[in-house]
């Protein structure tokens, strides 16, 4: 099953198609489709990783805010 998004990307390359084909073959991909498939997967993984990092940072901030609010006196 071919991804329609990748097919559209390849159709819209126009003058850059030869460049992208050379780049794909240089990187060891059997076809231009496989190259763009890998490229899209990497982008999705990067977005997911950034989202996880953001969520972890938010959780840490919430924990710090809870710890600060538990202290009632200024001497501690």
Protein backbone atom coordinates (compact mmCIF):
# COMPACT_ATOMS: atom_id res chain seq x y z
CA UNK A 1 0.00 0.00 0.00
CA UNK A 2 1.43 3.33 -1.02
CA UNK A 3 1.04 6.48 1.01
CA UNK A 4 -0.78 9.19 -0.96
CA UNK A 5 1.12 11.91 0.90
CA UNK A 6 4.45 10.58 -0.39
CA UNK A 7 3.11 10.26 -3.93
CA UNK A 8 1.94 13.89 -3.85
CA UNK A 9 5.34 15.03 -2.60
CA UNK A 10 7.08 13.20 -5.45
CA UNK A 11 4.65 14.62 -8.03
CA UNK A 12 5.27 18.17 -6.77
CA UNK A 13 9.07 17.97 -6.96
CA UNK A 14 9.20 19.16 -10.58
CA UNK A 15 12.75 20.46 -11.16
CA UNK A 16 14.12 19.04 -7.90
CA UNK A 17 13.21 15.46 -8.78
CA UNK A 18 16.61 14.62 -10.28
CA UNK A 19 18.37 16.14 -7.29
CA UNK A 20 16.26 14.17 -4.81
CA UNK A 21 16.76 10.94 -6.80
CA UNK A 22 20.52 11.39 -6.70
CA UNK A 23 20.40 12.15 -3.00
CA UNK A 24 18.25 9.07 -2.32
CA UNK A 25 20.56 6.77 -4.28
CA UNK A 26 23.61 8.28 -2.57
CA UNK A 27 22.06 7.50 0.82
CA UNK A 28 21.35 3.93 -0.27
CA UNK A 29 17.60 4.00 -0.81
CA UNK A 30 16.27 1.74 -3.59
CA UNK A 31 13.70 4.33 -4.72
CA UNK A 32 12.61 7.90 -4.29
CA UNK A 33 9.46 6.62 -2.55
CA UNK A 34 11.50 4.75 0.08
CA UNK A 35 13.61 7.86 0.67
CA UNK A 36 10.60 10.09 1.34
CA UNK A 37 8.93 7.39 3.43
CA UNK A 38 11.98 7.26 5.69
CA UNK A 39 12.21 11.04 5.79
CA UNK A 40 8.57 11.38 6.91
CA UNK A 41 8.96 8.67 9.55
CA UNK A 42 11.98 10.47 11.00
CA UNK A 43 10.09 13.77 11.11
CA UNK A 44 7.16 12.14 12.93
CA UNK A 45 9.53 10.51 15.42
CA UNK A 46 11.23 13.85 16.07
CA UNK A 47 7.88 15.53 16.73
CA UNK A 48 6.86 12.75 19.13
CA UNK A 49 10.18 12.98 20.98
CA UNK A 50 9.83 16.74 21.38
CA UNK A 51 6.28 16.31 22.67
CA UNK A 52 7.47 13.76 25.25
CA UNK A 53 10.24 16.09 26.40
CA UNK A 54 7.75 18.95 26.71
CA UNK A 55 5.36 16.79 28.74
CA UNK A 56 8.18 15.71 31.07
CA UNK A 57 9.22 19.31 31.62
CA UNK A 58 5.64 20.29 32.40
CA UNK A 59 5.33 17.43 34.90
CA UNK A 60 8.55 18.51 36.62
CA UNK A 61 7.30 22.10 36.86
CA UNK A 62 4.02 20.93 38.38
CA UNK A 63 5.88 18.87 40.99
CA UNK A 64 8.08 21.84 41.88
CA UNK A 65 5.03 24.08 42.25
CA UNK A 66 3.34 21.54 44.53
CA UNK A 67 6.46 21.28 46.72
CA UNK A 68 6.66 25.06 47.02
CA UNK A 69 3.02 25.37 48.00
CA UNK A 70 3.38 22.72 50.77
CA UNK A 71 5.85 24.86 52.70
CA UNK A 72 3.79 27.17 54.85
CA UNK A 73 6.39 28.97 56.91
CA UNK A 74 9.23 31.10 55.61
CA UNK A 75 11.88 29.63 57.88
CA UNK A 76 12.08 26.26 56.10
